[in-house]
Amino acid sequence: MRAAFEVRGRHLHRRLSALPGVTCVEPTGAFYCFPDVSRHFGRTIAGVKVDGSMTFTRACLEGARVALVPGDAFGEDRCVRLSFATSVEEMDKGLDRLEKLLKEGSR
């Protein structure tokens, strides 16, 4: 399982780092990525005015059906948390929807 999680973590890191306005440090511990999404603050995404990690996660849930954990719960409001304790296929489904949402711009 450790090898599988390493592969999944690298995959999620690569996909997140390719999203517009997202930067991500490669995970080295548990099965989470913690990307910085603060470049999206000030935008309106899926009808939600994004001003922090809480509103960013709400926009992603409403606009792309992707559940993220706000980073302010961990003391870092610029970031959100995603788990890679699922299959690559399931991650890709959500990441494809997230990518589309972030590329669409304000609406």
N, C-alpha and C. Protein backbone atom coordinates (compact mmCIF):
# COMPACT_ATOMS: atom_id res chain seq x y z
N MET A 1 0.83 -1.20 0.00
CA MET A 1 0.00 0.00 0.00
C MET A 1 0.87 1.26 0.00
N ARG A 2 2.02 1.19 0.66
CA ARG A 2 2.89 2.37 0.69
C ARG A 2 3.29 2.79 -0.73
N ALA A 3 3.65 1.82 -1.56
CA ALA A 3 4.04 2.12 -2.94
C ALA A 3 2.86 2.71 -3.71
N ALA A 4 1.67 2.16 -3.48
CA ALA A 4 0.48 2.67 -4.16
C ALA A 4 0.20 4.12 -3.75
N PHE A 5 0.34 4.43 -2.46
CA PHE A 5 0.12 5.80 -2.01
C PHE A 5 1.17 6.75 -2.55
N GLU A 6 2.40 6.29 -2.70
CA GLU A 6 3.44 7.15 -3.29
C GLU A 6 3.09 7.50 -4.73
N VAL A 7 2.63 6.51 -5.49
CA VAL A 7 2.23 6.75 -6.88
C VAL A 7 1.04 7.71 -6.92
N ARG A 8 0.05 7.48 -6.08
CA ARG A 8 -1.13 8.36 -6.05
C ARG A 8 -0.76 9.78 -5.64
N GLY A 9 0.11 9.91 -4.65
CA GLY A 9 0.53 11.23 -4.19
C GLY A 9 1.25 12.01 -5.28
N ARG A 10 2.15 11.34 -5.99
CA ARG A 10 2.86 12.00 -7.09
C ARG A 10 1.87 12.40 -8.19
N HIS A 11 0.93 11.52 -8.47
CA HIS A 11 -0.06 11.80 -9.51
C HIS A 11 -0.91 13.02 -9.13
N LEU A 12 -1.42 13.03 -7.90
CA LEU A 12 -2.25 14.15 -7.46
C LEU A 12 -1.44 15.44 -7.46
N HIS A 13 -0.21 15.39 -6.99
CA HIS A 13 0.66 16.57 -7.00
C HIS A 13 0.85 17.10 -8.42
N ARG A 14 1.12 16.22 -9.34
CA ARG A 14 1.33 16.60 -10.74
C ARG A 14 0.07 17.26 -11.31
N ARG A 15 -1.07 16.64 -11.06
CA ARG A 15 -2.34 17.19 -11.60
C ARG A 15 -2.67 18.53 -10.96
N LEU A 16 -2.50 18.64 -9.65
CA LEU A 16 -2.80 19.91 -8.97
C LEU A 16 -1.87 21.01 -9.45
N SER A 17 -0.60 20.71 -9.61
CA SER A 17 0.38 21.70 -10.04
C SER A 17 0.09 22.21 -11.44
N ALA A 18 -0.62 21.44 -12.24
CA ALA A 18 -0.96 21.84 -13.60
C ALA A 18 -2.23 22.68 -13.67
N LEU A 19 -2.98 22.78 -12.57
CA LEU A 19 -4.21 23.56 -12.57
C LEU A 19 -3.88 25.06 -12.60
N PRO A 20 -4.69 25.85 -13.30
CA PRO A 20 -4.43 27.29 -13.33
C PRO A 20 -4.56 27.90 -11.94
N GLY A 21 -3.55 28.69 -11.56
CA GLY A 21 -3.61 29.41 -10.30
C GLY A 21 -3.39 28.56 -9.06
N VAL A 22 -2.83 27.36 -9.23
CA VAL A 22 -2.62 26.45 -8.10
C VAL A 22 -1.14 26.08 -8.03
N THR A 23 -0.57 26.16 -6.83
CA THR A 23 0.79 25.66 -6.61
C THR A 23 0.72 24.62 -5.50
N CYS A 24 1.59 23.63 -5.60
CA CYS A 24 1.50 22.52 -4.66
C CYS A 24 2.88 21.94 -4.38
N VAL A 25 3.17 21.72 -3.13
CA VAL A 25 4.39 21.04 -2.71
C VAL A 25 4.11 19.55 -2.74
N GLU A 26 5.07 18.77 -3.23
CA GLU A 26 4.87 17.32 -3.29
C GLU A 26 4.73 16.74 -1.88
N PRO A 27 3.73 15.89 -1.67
CA PRO A 27 3.52 15.32 -0.33
C PRO A 27 4.63 14.34 0.04
N THR A 28 4.99 14.35 1.31
CA THR A 28 6.03 13.43 1.79
C THR A 28 5.56 12.63 2.99
N GLY A 29 4.39 12.92 3.50
CA GLY A 29 3.87 12.23 4.68
C GLY A 29 2.58 11.52 4.37
N ALA A 30 1.60 11.74 5.17
CA ALA A 30 0.29 11.08 5.08
C ALA A 30 -0.25 11.02 3.65
N PHE A 31 -1.52 10.87 3.47
CA PHE A 31 -2.09 10.76 2.12
C PHE A 31 -2.92 11.98 1.76
N TYR A 32 -2.28 13.16 1.90
CA TYR A 32 -2.93 14.43 1.58
C TYR A 32 -2.00 15.32 0.77
N CYS A 33 -2.61 16.14 -0.10
CA CYS A 33 -1.90 17.25 -0.73
C CYS A 33 -2.51 18.52 -0.16
N PHE A 34 -1.72 19.58 -0.11
CA PHE A 34 -2.13 20.83 0.52
C PHE A 34 -1.78 22.00 -0.41
N PRO A 35 -2.48 22.09 -1.56
CA PRO A 35 -2.14 23.12 -2.54
C PRO A 35 -2.56 24.53 -2.12
N ASP A 36 -1.77 25.50 -2.57
CA ASP A 36 -2.07 26.92 -2.37
C ASP A 36 -2.98 27.36 -3.52
N VAL A 37 -4.17 27.84 -3.17
CA VAL A 37 -5.16 28.27 -4.16
C VAL A 37 -5.43 29.76 -4.06
N SER A 38 -4.58 30.49 -3.34
CA SER A 38 -4.85 31.91 -3.04
C SER A 38 -4.87 32.80 -4.28
N ARG A 39 -4.31 32.35 -5.38
CA ARG A 39 -4.39 33.16 -6.61
C ARG A 39 -5.82 33.29 -7.11
N HIS A 40 -6.73 32.46 -6.60
CA HIS A 40 -8.13 32.53 -6.98
C HIS A 40 -8.95 33.44 -6.06
N PHE A 41 -8.33 33.91 -4.98
CA PHE A 41 -9.04 34.81 -4.08
C PHE A 41 -9.34 36.11 -4.82
N GLY A 42 -10.54 36.60 -4.64
CA GLY A 42 -10.98 37.80 -5.35
C GLY A 42 -11.82 37.47 -6.58
N ARG A 43 -11.80 36.22 -7.02
CA ARG A 43 -12.61 35.79 -8.16
C ARG A 43 -14.00 35.40 -7.70
N THR A 44 -14.91 35.34 -8.64
CA THR A 44 -16.21 34.72 -8.40
C THR A 44 -16.22 33.43 -9.19
N ILE A 45 -16.39 32.32 -8.48
CA ILE A 45 -16.37 31.00 -9.09
C ILE A 45 -17.67 30.31 -8.72
N ALA A 46 -18.38 29.84 -9.72
CA ALA A 46 -19.67 29.15 -9.51
C ALA A 46 -20.62 30.01 -8.70
N GLY A 47 -20.57 31.33 -8.93
CA GLY A 47 -21.45 32.25 -8.22
C GLY A 47 -21.02 32.58 -6.80
N VAL A 48 -19.85 32.10 -6.39
CA VAL A 48 -19.35 32.33 -5.04
C VAL A 48 -18.16 33.30 -5.10
N LYS A 49 -18.24 34.39 -4.36
CA LYS A 49 -17.12 35.33 -4.26
C LYS A 49 -16.07 34.69 -3.35
N VAL A 50 -14.92 34.36 -3.92
CA VAL A 50 -13.88 33.64 -3.20
C VAL A 50 -12.98 34.64 -2.46
N ASP A 51 -12.95 34.52 -1.14
CA ASP A 51 -12.11 35.41 -0.33
C ASP A 51 -11.26 34.64 0.68
N GLY A 52 -11.24 33.33 0.57
CA GLY A 52 -10.45 32.49 1.48
C GLY A 52 -10.68 31.03 1.17
N SER A 53 -10.06 30.18 1.95
CA SER A 53 -10.16 28.74 1.66
C SER A 53 -11.58 28.21 1.85
N MET A 54 -12.34 28.77 2.79
CA MET A 54 -13.70 28.30 3.02
C MET A 54 -14.59 28.57 1.81
N THR A 55 -14.51 29.78 1.26
CA THR A 55 -15.36 30.09 0.11
C THR A 55 -14.84 29.39 -1.15
N PHE A 56 -13.53 29.18 -1.24
CA PHE A 56 -13.00 28.42 -2.38
C PHE A 56 -13.56 27.00 -2.36
N THR A 57 -13.55 26.35 -1.20
CA THR A 57 -14.06 24.98 -1.12
C THR A 57 -15.56 24.94 -1.41
N ARG A 58 -16.28 25.96 -0.98
CA ARG A 58 -17.72 26.01 -1.28
C ARG A 58 -17.96 26.13 -2.78
N ALA A 59 -17.17 26.98 -3.44
CA ALA A 59 -17.30 27.14 -4.89
C ALA A 59 -16.99 25.84 -5.62
N CYS A 60 -15.99 25.12 -5.17
CA CYS A 60 -15.63 23.84 -5.80
C CYS A 60 -16.70 22.78 -5.59
N LEU A 61 -17.28 22.77 -4.40
CA LEU A 61 -18.35 21.81 -4.13
C LEU A 61 -19.58 22.12 -4.97
N GLU A 62 -19.95 23.39 -5.02
CA GLU A 62 -21.15 23.78 -5.77
C GLU A 62 -20.93 23.74 -7.28
N GLY A 63 -19.75 24.14 -7.73
CA GLY A 63 -19.51 24.25 -9.16
C GLY A 63 -18.95 23.02 -9.83
N ALA A 64 -18.28 22.14 -9.06
CA ALA A 64 -17.64 20.98 -9.67
C ALA A 64 -17.92 19.67 -8.93
N ARG A 65 -18.69 19.76 -7.86
CA ARG A 65 -18.99 18.57 -7.04
C ARG A 65 -17.70 17.92 -6.52
N VAL A 66 -16.73 18.76 -6.14
CA VAL A 66 -15.46 18.29 -5.60
C VAL A 66 -15.38 18.79 -4.16
N ALA A 67 -15.25 17.86 -3.22
CA ALA A 67 -15.17 18.21 -1.81
C ALA A 67 -13.70 18.37 -1.40
N LEU A 68 -13.40 19.54 -0.87
CA LEU A 68 -12.06 19.88 -0.37
C LEU A 68 -12.21 20.31 1.08
N VAL A 69 -11.12 20.28 1.82
CA VAL A 69 -11.13 20.75 3.21
C VAL A 69 -10.44 22.10 3.26
N PRO A 70 -11.09 23.12 3.82
CA PRO A 70 -10.45 24.44 3.90
C PRO A 70 -9.16 24.40 4.71
N GLY A 71 -8.16 25.10 4.23
CA GLY A 71 -6.88 25.12 4.92
C GLY A 71 -6.88 25.92 6.21
N ASP A 72 -7.86 26.81 6.39
CA ASP A 72 -7.88 27.57 7.63
C ASP A 72 -8.06 26.67 8.84
N ALA A 73 -8.60 25.48 8.64
CA ALA A 73 -8.73 24.51 9.74
C ALA A 73 -7.36 24.02 10.21
N PHE A 74 -6.33 24.23 9.37
CA PHE A 74 -4.97 23.79 9.68
C PHE A 74 -4.03 24.97 9.85
N GLY A 75 -4.60 26.18 9.96
CA GLY A 75 -3.81 27.38 10.18
C GLY A 75 -3.23 28.00 8.92
N GLU A 76 -3.71 27.58 7.74
CA GLU A 76 -3.19 28.13 6.48
C GLU A 76 -4.34 28.38 5.51
N ASP A 77 -4.87 29.60 5.57
CA ASP A 77 -6.05 29.94 4.78
C ASP A 77 -5.79 30.00 3.29
N ARG A 78 -4.54 30.06 2.85
CA ARG A 78 -4.24 30.11 1.42
C ARG A 78 -4.39 28.74 0.74
N CYS A 79 -4.52 27.69 1.54
CA CYS A 79 -4.47 26.33 1.02
C CYS A 79 -5.77 25.56 1.27
N VAL A 80 -5.90 24.45 0.57
CA VAL A 80 -6.97 23.49 0.80
C VAL A 80 -6.33 22.11 0.90
N ARG A 81 -7.06 21.16 1.46
CA ARG A 81 -6.51 19.81 1.62
C ARG A 81 -7.32 18.81 0.80
N LEU A 82 -6.62 17.94 0.09
CA LEU A 82 -7.23 16.86 -0.69
C LEU A 82 -6.57 15.55 -0.28
N SER A 83 -7.35 14.51 -0.23
CA SER A 83 -6.83 13.18 0.09
C SER A 83 -6.59 12.40 -1.20
N PHE A 84 -5.53 11.59 -1.19
CA PHE A 84 -5.32 10.67 -2.30
C PHE A 84 -5.47 9.23 -1.84
N ALA A 85 -6.35 9.02 -0.86
CA ALA A 85 -6.66 7.68 -0.38
C ALA A 85 -7.84 7.12 -1.18
N THR A 86 -7.71 7.20 -2.48
CA THR A 86 -8.70 6.65 -3.41
C THR A 86 -7.96 6.30 -4.70
N SER A 87 -8.66 5.77 -5.65
CA SER A 87 -8.01 5.35 -6.89
C SER A 87 -7.63 6.56 -7.75
N VAL A 88 -6.65 6.35 -8.61
CA VAL A 88 -6.24 7.39 -9.56
C VAL A 88 -7.43 7.76 -10.44
N GLU A 89 -8.22 6.78 -10.83
CA GLU A 89 -9.37 7.05 -11.69
C GLU A 89 -10.36 7.98 -11.00
N GLU A 90 -10.64 7.75 -9.72
CA GLU A 90 -11.58 8.61 -9.00
C GLU A 90 -10.99 10.01 -8.82
N MET A 91 -9.70 10.09 -8.51
CA MET A 91 -9.05 11.40 -8.39
C MET A 91 -9.17 12.16 -9.71
N ASP A 92 -8.90 11.48 -10.81
CA ASP A 92 -8.93 12.15 -12.12
C ASP A 92 -10.32 12.66 -12.46
N LYS A 93 -11.36 11.95 -12.08
CA LYS A 93 -12.72 12.44 -12.34
C LYS A 93 -12.94 13.78 -11.66
N GLY A 94 -12.58 13.87 -10.39
CA GLY A 94 -12.74 15.12 -9.66
C GLY A 94 -11.81 16.21 -10.16
N LEU A 95 -10.58 15.85 -10.46
CA LEU A 95 -9.62 16.84 -10.94
C LEU A 95 -10.01 17.38 -12.31
N ASP A 96 -10.58 16.55 -13.15
CA ASP A 96 -11.06 17.03 -14.45
C ASP A 96 -12.16 18.07 -14.26
N ARG A 97 -13.09 17.80 -13.32
CA ARG A 97 -14.16 18.76 -13.06
C ARG A 97 -13.61 20.05 -12.44
N LEU A 98 -12.64 19.90 -11.53
CA LEU A 98 -12.02 21.06 -10.91
C LEU A 98 -11.27 21.91 -11.93
N GLU A 99 -10.55 21.26 -12.82
CA GLU A 99 -9.82 21.97 -13.87
C GLU A 99 -10.78 22.77 -14.75
N LYS A 100 -11.86 22.15 -15.14
CA LYS A 100 -12.85 22.84 -15.98
C LYS A 100 -13.42 24.05 -15.25
N LEU A 101 -13.73 23.90 -13.97
CA LEU A 101 -14.28 25.00 -13.19
C LEU A 101 -13.30 26.17 -13.09
N LEU A 102 -12.05 25.87 -12.81
CA LEU A 102 -11.05 26.94 -12.64
C LEU A 102 -10.71 27.63 -13.96
N LYS A 103 -10.82 26.91 -15.07
CA LYS A 103 -10.54 27.51 -16.37
C LYS A 103 -11.69 28.34 -16.90
N GLU A 104 -12.90 28.06 -16.43
CA GLU A 104 -14.08 28.78 -16.92
C GLU A 104 -14.05 30.25 -16.55
N GLY A 105 -13.41 30.58 -15.47
CA GLY A 105 -13.38 31.97 -15.05
C GLY A 105 -14.63 32.37 -14.30
N SER A 106 -14.79 33.62 -14.12
CA SER A 106 -15.94 34.14 -13.37
C SER A 106 -17.22 33.90 -14.14
N ARG A 107 -18.23 33.58 -13.38
CA ARG A 107 -19.56 33.44 -13.99
C ARG A 107 -20.61 33.82 -12.98
